[in-house]
Amino acid sequence: MQKQDPTEWQDYQFWQRHLRWVTRVVWMGVPIGVFLSIYWLDELWHTQFMAYLGLSPPVSDSLGGALIVMIGFLMQVLISRLGSAYSLFGSQDFVDRLMERVQVYRGTIEAVRRELDGMPTVNRILTGQIEMVVGETEKASFDIVQRLQAIDEV
């Protein structure tokens, strides 16, 4: 079993804790932002803005729902950028580090591949040497057998 590099494990644990923290903040911050925007803007939306545009209540409610979804998205991006300077919860840093490791691993794999490309040549050389040793051994054993037979004849 291969041991894991402690720095890799610590990076993984850090990013896991970081993502949990940011997810919790977004989970609480977005609903609070949406609640506050509905609470403060609902009366203004229905009495002044929709009356000014002359829209029916179903259309104004649909438009307000779309606006609230946009506010929720903007809250998520805002919280994420405040927490990690990225709209992806800081995961881009983690991806960049992983890509650096992937490049190192690819370099290692390429070096091993180049060495393995030479294996057929090494196999041919070793096979030739072993065949030569076998041939010499057979010749030597044949000579020994002939000498033993010569001794037996005497």
C-alpha atoms as a PDB file:
ATOM      1  CA  MET A   1       0.000   0.000   0.000  1.00  0.00           C
ATOM      2  CA  GLN A   2       1.392   3.380  -1.014  1.00  0.00           C
ATOM      3  CA  LYS A   3       1.743   6.047   1.669  1.00  0.00           C
ATOM      4  CA  GLN A   4       0.094   9.354   0.909  1.00  0.00           C
ATOM      5  CA  ASP A   5       2.181  12.509   0.959  1.00  0.00           C
ATOM      6  CA  PRO A   6       1.261  14.395   4.172  1.00  0.00           C
ATOM      7  CA  THR A   7       1.189  17.741   2.393  1.00  0.00           C
ATOM      8  CA  GLU A   8      -1.344  16.405  -0.111  1.00  0.00           C
ATOM      9  CA  TRP A   9      -3.521  15.108   2.729  1.00  0.00           C
ATOM     10  CA  GLN A  10      -3.229  18.422   4.602  1.00  0.00           C
ATOM     11  CA  ASP A  11      -4.165  20.352   1.433  1.00  0.00           C
ATOM     12  CA  TYR A  12      -7.144  18.065   0.939  1.00  0.00           C
ATOM     13  CA  GLN A  13      -8.280  18.520   4.542  1.00  0.00           C
ATOM     14  CA  PHE A  14      -7.827  22.294   4.297  1.00  0.00           C
ATOM     15  CA  TRP A  15      -9.926  22.565   1.157  1.00  0.00           C
ATOM     16  CA  GLN A  16     -12.537  20.226   2.565  1.00  0.00           C
ATOM     17  CA  ARG A  17     -12.891  22.400   5.694  1.00  0.00           C
ATOM     18  CA  HIS A  18     -12.840  25.569   3.565  1.00  0.00           C
ATOM     19  CA  LEU A  19     -15.606  24.328   1.281  1.00  0.00           C
ATOM     20  CA  ARG A  20     -17.725  23.259   4.255  1.00  0.00           C
ATOM     21  CA  TRP A  21     -17.296  26.694   5.848  1.00  0.00           C
ATOM     22  CA  VAL A  22     -18.141  28.611   2.675  1.00  0.00           C
ATOM     23  CA  THR A  23     -21.090  26.316   1.940  1.00  0.00           C
ATOM     24  CA  ARG A  24     -22.494  26.963   5.422  1.00  0.00           C
ATOM     25  CA  VAL A  25     -22.049  30.712   5.044  1.00  0.00           C
ATOM     26  CA  VAL A  26     -23.787  30.637   1.640  1.00  0.00           C
ATOM     27  CA  TRP A  27     -26.492  28.361   3.031  1.00  0.00           C
ATOM     28  CA  MET A  28     -27.253  30.937   5.727  1.00  0.00           C
ATOM     29  CA  GLY A  29     -26.334  34.148   3.898  1.00  0.00           C
ATOM     30  CA  VAL A  30     -28.349  33.706   0.713  1.00  0.00           C
ATOM     31  CA  PRO A  31     -31.702  33.082   2.440  1.00  0.00           C
ATOM     32  CA  ILE A  32     -31.058  35.993   4.804  1.00  0.00           C
ATOM     33  CA  GLY A  33     -30.258  38.277   1.854  1.00  0.00           C
ATOM     34  CA  VAL A  34     -33.339  37.108  -0.034  1.00  0.00           C
ATOM     35  CA  PHE A  35     -35.524  37.530   3.070  1.00  0.00           C
ATOM     36  CA  LEU A  36     -34.259  41.048   3.688  1.00  0.00           C
ATOM     37  CA  SER A  37     -34.672  42.086   0.061  1.00  0.00           C
ATOM     38  CA  ILE A  38     -38.257  40.789   0.000  1.00  0.00           C
ATOM     39  CA  TYR A  39     -39.024  42.350   3.383  1.00  0.00           C
ATOM     40  CA  TRP A  40     -37.691  45.787   2.447  1.00  0.00           C
ATOM     41  CA  LEU A  41     -38.549  45.920  -1.239  1.00  0.00           C
ATOM     42  CA  ASP A  42     -41.962  44.186  -1.399  1.00  0.00           C
ATOM     43  CA  GLU A  43     -44.087  47.219  -0.634  1.00  0.00           C
ATOM     44  CA  LEU A  44     -41.986  49.461  -2.855  1.00  0.00           C
ATOM     45  CA  TRP A  45     -42.185  46.840  -5.625  1.00  0.00           C
ATOM     46  CA  HIS A  46     -45.976  46.466  -5.566  1.00  0.00           C
ATOM     47  CA  THR A  47     -47.084  50.014  -4.793  1.00  0.00           C
ATOM     48  CA  GLN A  48     -44.706  52.164  -6.759  1.00  0.00           C
ATOM     49  CA  PHE A  49     -42.613  50.249  -9.297  1.00  0.00           C
ATOM     50  CA  MET A  50     -45.337  47.944 -10.689  1.00  0.00           C
ATOM     51  CA  ALA A  51     -47.909  50.726 -10.664  1.00  0.00           C
ATOM     52  CA  TYR A  52     -45.461  52.849 -12.631  1.00  0.00           C
ATOM     53  CA  LEU A  53     -44.962  50.073 -15.216  1.00  0.00           C
ATOM     54  CA  GLY A  54     -48.640  49.165 -15.235  1.00  0.00           C
ATOM     55  CA  LEU A  55     -48.167  45.401 -14.949  1.00  0.00           C
ATOM     56  CA  SER A  56     -50.739  42.938 -13.648  1.00  0.00           C
ATOM     57  CA  PRO A  57     -50.150  41.235 -10.258  1.00  0.00           C
ATOM     58  CA  PRO A  58     -49.240  37.800 -11.767  1.00  0.00           C
ATOM     59  CA  VAL A  59     -46.674  39.389 -14.082  1.00  0.00           C
ATOM     60  CA  SER A  60     -45.248  41.548 -11.294  1.00  0.00           C
ATOM     61  CA  ASP A  61     -45.029  38.498  -8.979  1.00  0.00           C
ATOM     62  CA  SER A  62     -43.234  36.498 -11.691  1.00  0.00           C
ATOM     63  CA  LEU A  63     -40.869  39.358 -12.390  1.00  0.00           C
ATOM     64  CA  GLY A  64     -40.271  39.773  -8.652  1.00  0.00           C
ATOM     65  CA  GLY A  65     -39.535  36.027  -8.310  1.00  0.00           C
ATOM     66  CA  ALA A  66     -36.975  36.244 -11.122  1.00  0.00           C
ATOM     67  CA  LEU A  67     -35.416  39.271  -9.439  1.00  0.00           C
ATOM     68  CA  ILE A  68     -35.222  37.405  -6.112  1.00  0.00           C
ATOM     69  CA  VAL A  69     -33.473  34.472  -7.833  1.00  0.00           C
ATOM     70  CA  MET A  70     -30.977  36.935  -9.290  1.00  0.00           C
ATOM     71  CA  ILE A  71     -30.455  38.488  -5.857  1.00  0.00           C
ATOM     72  CA  GLY A  72     -29.870  34.989  -4.433  1.00  0.00           C
ATOM     73  CA  PHE A  73     -27.265  34.297  -7.083  1.00  0.00           C
ATOM     74  CA  LEU A  74     -25.567  37.639  -6.474  1.00  0.00           C
ATOM     75  CA  MET A  75     -25.524  36.952  -2.731  1.00  0.00           C
ATOM     76  CA  GLN A  76     -23.864  33.576  -3.364  1.00  0.00           C
ATOM     77  CA  VAL A  77     -21.203  35.188  -5.554  1.00  0.00           C
ATOM     78  CA  LEU A  78     -20.670  38.017  -3.052  1.00  0.00           C
ATOM     79  CA  ILE A  79     -20.268  35.660  -0.094  1.00  0.00           C
ATOM     80  CA  SER A  80     -18.002  33.389  -2.076  1.00  0.00           C
ATOM     81  CA  ARG A  81     -15.781  36.245  -3.203  1.00  0.00           C
ATOM     82  CA  LEU A  82     -15.604  37.646   0.311  1.00  0.00           C
ATOM     83  CA  GLY A  83     -14.631  34.240   1.667  1.00  0.00           C
ATOM     84  CA  SER A  84     -12.193  33.139  -0.990  1.00  0.00           C
ATOM     85  CA  ALA A  85     -11.792  35.822  -3.685  1.00  0.00           C
ATOM     86  CA  TYR A  86     -13.363  33.485  -6.255  1.00  0.00           C
ATOM     87  CA  SER A  87     -16.934  32.893  -7.265  1.00  0.00           C
ATOM     88  CA  LEU A  88     -16.244  29.142  -7.153  1.00  0.00           C
ATOM     89  CA  PHE A  89     -15.567  29.041  -3.379  1.00  0.00           C
ATOM     90  CA  GLY A  90     -11.807  29.128  -3.914  1.00  0.00           C
ATOM     91  CA  SER A  91     -11.821  25.801  -5.692  1.00  0.00           C
ATOM     92  CA  GLN A  92      -9.837  27.277  -8.585  1.00  0.00           C
ATOM     93  CA  ASP A  93      -6.732  27.391  -6.350  1.00  0.00           C
ATOM     94  CA  PHE A  94      -7.241  23.739  -5.518  1.00  0.00           C
ATOM     95  CA  VAL A  95      -7.685  22.863  -9.208  1.00  0.00           C
ATOM     96  CA  ASP A  96      -4.494  24.775 -10.077  1.00  0.00           C
ATOM     97  CA  ARG A  97      -2.535  22.836  -7.453  1.00  0.00           C
ATOM     98  CA  LEU A  98      -3.963  19.571  -8.696  1.00  0.00           C
ATOM     99  CA  MET A  99      -3.008  20.431 -12.282  1.00  0.00           C
ATOM    100  CA  GLU A 100       0.581  21.092 -11.160  1.00  0.00           C
ATOM    101  CA  ARG A 101       0.646  17.644  -9.563  1.00  0.00           C
ATOM    102  CA  VAL A 102      -0.873  16.120 -12.684  1.00  0.00           C
ATOM    103  CA  GLN A 103       1.949  17.627 -14.753  1.00  0.00           C
ATOM    104  CA  VAL A 104       4.530  16.093 -12.387  1.00  0.00           C
ATOM    105  CA  TYR A 105       2.792  12.715 -12.598  1.00  0.00           C
ATOM    106  CA  ARG A 106       2.603  12.965 -16.387  1.00  0.00           C
ATOM    107  CA  GLY A 107       6.350  13.674 -16.519  1.00  0.00           C
ATOM    108  CA  THR A 108       7.003  10.611 -14.369  1.00  0.00           C
ATOM    109  CA  ILE A 109       4.732   8.480 -16.536  1.00  0.00           C
ATOM    110  CA  GLU A 110       6.495   9.723 -19.670  1.00  0.00           C
ATOM    111  CA  ALA A 111       9.917   8.831 -18.213  1.00  0.00           C
ATOM    112  CA  VAL A 112       8.708   5.353 -17.311  1.00  0.00           C
ATOM    113  CA  ARG A 113       7.145   4.952 -20.769  1.00  0.00           C
ATOM    114  CA  ARG A 114      10.445   5.834 -22.432  1.00  0.00           C
ATOM    115  CA  GLU A 115      12.242   3.277 -20.284  1.00  0.00           C
ATOM    116  CA  LEU A 116       9.630   0.643 -21.050  1.00  0.00           C
ATOM    117  CA  ASP A 117       9.975   1.349 -24.774  1.00  0.00           C
ATOM    118  CA  GLY A 118      13.529  -0.012 -24.478  1.00  0.00           C
ATOM    119  CA  MET A 119      12.385  -3.283 -22.881  1.00  0.00           C
ATOM    120  CA  PRO A 120      12.072  -5.263 -26.171  1.00  0.00           C
ATOM    121  CA  THR A 121      15.713  -4.440 -26.952  1.00  0.00           C
ATOM    122  CA  VAL A 122      16.797  -5.478 -23.459  1.00  0.00           C
ATOM    123  CA  ASN A 123      14.755  -8.672 -23.793  1.00  0.00           C
ATOM    124  CA  ARG A 124      16.420  -9.509 -27.128  1.00  0.00           C
ATOM    125  CA  ILE A 125      19.899  -8.929 -25.657  1.00  0.00           C
ATOM    126  CA  LEU A 126      19.143 -11.041 -22.576  1.00  0.00           C
ATOM    127  CA  THR A 127      17.595 -13.801 -24.681  1.00  0.00           C
ATOM    128  CA  GLY A 128      20.691 -13.862 -26.889  1.00  0.00           C
ATOM    129  CA  GLN A 129      22.990 -14.020 -23.868  1.00  0.00           C
ATOM    130  CA  ILE A 130      20.955 -16.782 -22.243  1.00  0.00           C
ATOM    131  CA  GLU A 131      20.931 -18.775 -25.499  1.00  0.00           C
ATOM    132  CA  MET A 132      24.703 -18.354 -25.698  1.00  0.00           C
ATOM    133  CA  VAL A 133      25.099 -19.556 -22.086  1.00  0.00           C
ATOM    134  CA  VAL A 134      22.815 -22.530 -22.788  1.00  0.00           C
ATOM    135  CA  GLY A 135      24.799 -23.400 -25.928  1.00  0.00           C
ATOM    136  CA  GLU A 136      28.119 -23.195 -24.074  1.00  0.00           C
ATOM    137  CA  THR A 137      26.688 -25.234 -21.207  1.00  0.00           C
ATOM    138  CA  GLU A 138      25.447 -27.931 -23.611  1.00  0.00           C
ATOM    139  CA  LYS A 139      28.828 -28.008 -25.367  1.00  0.00           C
ATOM    140  CA  ALA A 140      30.636 -28.283 -22.006  1.00  0.00           C
ATOM    141  CA  SER A 141      28.338 -31.068 -20.826  1.00  0.00           C
ATOM    142  CA  PHE A 142      28.854 -32.929 -24.124  1.00  0.00           C
ATOM    143  CA  ASP A 143      32.643 -32.624 -23.660  1.00  0.00           C
ATOM    144  CA  ILE A 144      32.349 -33.912 -20.076  1.00  0.00           C
ATOM    145  CA  VAL A 145      30.261 -36.874 -21.232  1.00  0.00           C
ATOM    146  CA  GLN A 146      32.855 -37.695 -23.943  1.00  0.00           C
ATOM    147  CA  ARG A 147      35.711 -37.560 -21.408  1.00  0.00           C
ATOM    148  CA  LEU A 148      33.786 -39.788 -19.007  1.00  0.00           C
ATOM    149  CA  GLN A 149      33.166 -42.298 -21.783  1.00  0.00           C
ATOM    150  CA  ALA A 150      36.864 -42.197 -22.678  1.00  0.00           C
ATOM    151  CA  ILE A 151      37.713 -42.919 -19.039  1.00  0.00           C
ATOM    152  CA  ASP A 152      35.226 -45.809 -18.961  1.00  0.00           C
ATOM    153  CA  GLU A 153      36.837 -47.347 -22.059  1.00  0.00           C
ATOM    154  CA  VAL A 154      40.239 -47.426 -20.422  1.00  0.00           C
END
